[in-house]
Amino acid sequence: MSGEIGSEHLSHAGRLWRWTGGSGSGTWHFLTIDGPAGEALSGTAVMRKLEGTARGFGSLKVKARIGATGFATSVFPSKSDDGEAEQVWLLPVKAAVRRAERLAEGDEVEVSLEY
């Protein structure tokens, strides 16, 4: 069935980075997914929009695996400075995953995704 998690797979490597919200609204860690992996996610997002199964904020549900740790989350499209959608996606990496895999800001991370 189209639109179910697990229909597509990809792997991507990148550096873990931290975003801190204004006025103490929190800190989040992300992995940027770009290049061929970002293009694949963007293609899937377009198809889901055409099928009427798109999710809020243009996000895609994924099953992610970093090292031995698997987790369910969503990836979100990044916007350029002019507000245009790019073929760049952001994967949030929660604290439990970072602890389990002993990851810190700036570490090179290999992730596999099912979406």
Protein backbone atom coordinates (compact mmCIF):
# COMPACT_ATOMS: atom_id res chain seq x y z
CA MET A 1 0.00 0.00 0.00
CA SER A 2 1.38 3.40 -0.92
CA GLY A 3 2.36 5.79 1.86
CA GLU A 4 3.24 3.18 4.49
CA ILE A 5 6.50 3.32 6.37
CA GLY A 6 8.90 0.71 5.07
CA SER A 7 8.24 1.10 1.36
CA GLU A 8 11.54 2.93 0.71
CA HIS A 9 15.02 2.74 2.25
CA LEU A 10 18.00 5.08 2.25
CA SER A 11 21.24 5.67 4.11
CA HIS A 12 22.91 9.00 4.75
CA ALA A 13 25.89 10.32 6.69
CA GLY A 14 26.30 13.79 8.12
CA ARG A 15 27.28 15.81 11.17
CA LEU A 16 24.99 16.12 14.17
CA TRP A 17 24.21 19.78 14.90
CA ARG A 18 22.34 21.65 17.60
CA TRP A 19 19.63 24.29 17.28
CA THR A 20 18.74 26.44 20.26
CA GLY A 21 15.45 28.30 20.26
CA GLY A 22 15.15 31.95 21.17
CA SER A 23 14.29 32.95 24.75
CA GLY A 24 15.22 29.57 26.19
CA SER A 25 12.59 27.62 24.24
CA GLY A 26 14.76 24.51 24.07
CA THR A 27 17.61 22.79 22.32
CA TRP A 28 17.23 20.22 19.56
CA HIS A 29 19.80 18.09 17.73
CA PHE A 30 19.41 17.40 14.02
CA LEU A 31 21.04 15.57 11.16
CA THR A 32 20.73 17.32 7.80
CA ILE A 33 19.73 14.98 4.96
CA ASP A 34 20.68 16.39 1.57
CA GLY A 35 22.12 15.24 -1.76
CA PRO A 36 20.64 12.08 -3.31
CA ALA A 37 18.98 11.11 0.00
CA GLY A 38 17.28 14.53 0.22
CA GLU A 39 16.14 14.22 -3.39
CA ALA A 40 14.63 10.79 -2.66
CA LEU A 41 12.70 12.15 0.35
CA SER A 42 11.48 15.12 -1.71
CA GLY A 43 10.26 12.80 -4.46
CA THR A 44 8.30 10.75 -1.93
CA ALA A 45 6.84 13.93 -0.41
CA VAL A 46 5.61 15.07 -3.84
CA MET A 47 4.00 11.69 -4.49
CA ARG A 48 2.23 11.70 -1.12
CA LYS A 49 0.96 15.21 -1.76
CA LEU A 50 -0.45 14.09 -5.11
CA GLU A 51 -2.00 11.01 -3.45
CA GLY A 52 -3.59 13.19 -0.76
CA THR A 53 -1.64 11.47 2.02
CA ALA A 54 0.74 14.36 2.85
CA ARG A 55 1.33 15.20 6.53
CA GLY A 56 1.52 18.50 8.38
CA PHE A 57 4.49 20.79 7.69
CA GLY A 58 5.35 18.56 4.71
CA SER A 59 6.87 16.01 7.09
CA LEU A 60 7.40 12.32 6.36
CA LYS A 61 7.09 9.58 8.99
CA VAL A 62 10.22 7.44 9.13
CA LYS A 63 11.78 4.56 11.00
CA ALA A 64 15.38 5.57 11.65
CA ARG A 65 18.39 3.55 12.80
CA ILE A 66 21.63 5.01 14.10
CA GLY A 67 24.06 2.30 15.17
CA ALA A 68 22.10 -0.28 17.16
CA THR A 69 19.32 2.17 18.06
CA GLY A 70 16.10 2.24 16.07
CA PHE A 71 13.40 4.87 16.57
CA ALA A 72 10.26 6.24 14.92
CA THR A 73 10.12 9.94 14.12
CA SER A 74 9.48 12.33 11.23
CA VAL A 75 11.79 14.20 8.89
CA PHE A 76 10.96 17.80 8.02
CA PRO A 77 11.75 19.76 4.86
CA SER A 78 14.17 22.64 5.34
CA LYS A 79 13.34 26.05 3.94
CA SER A 80 15.86 28.32 2.26
CA ASP A 81 16.30 31.93 3.35
CA ASP A 82 13.79 33.02 0.70
CA GLY A 83 11.17 30.58 2.02
CA GLU A 84 11.42 28.16 -0.90
CA ALA A 85 11.45 24.45 -0.13
CA GLU A 86 14.77 22.79 -0.89
CA GLN A 87 15.67 19.14 -1.26
CA VAL A 88 17.13 19.28 2.22
CA TRP A 89 15.50 17.52 5.17
CA LEU A 90 16.03 17.63 8.92
CA LEU A 91 16.02 14.51 11.11
CA PRO A 92 15.59 15.25 14.83
CA VAL A 93 17.80 13.02 17.00
CA LYS A 94 16.38 12.82 20.51
CA ALA A 95 18.43 12.66 23.70
CA ALA A 96 17.73 8.95 24.32
CA VAL A 97 19.22 8.05 20.93
CA ARG A 98 22.23 10.34 21.46
CA ARG A 99 22.86 8.78 24.89
CA ALA A 100 22.49 5.20 23.63
CA GLU A 101 24.90 5.82 20.75
CA ARG A 102 27.19 8.20 22.71
CA LEU A 103 26.72 11.02 20.21
CA ALA A 104 27.51 14.69 20.67
CA GLU A 105 27.18 17.81 18.58
CA GLY A 106 29.60 17.68 15.65
CA ASP A 107 29.84 13.88 15.52
CA GLU A 108 29.62 12.19 12.12
CA VAL A 109 26.45 10.08 12.09
CA GLU A 110 25.32 7.35 9.70
CA VAL A 111 21.54 6.89 9.60
CA SER A 112 19.35 4.45 7.71
CA LEU A 113 15.73 5.36 7.08
CA GLU A 114 12.59 3.45 6.11
CA TYR A 115 9.75 5.63 4.91
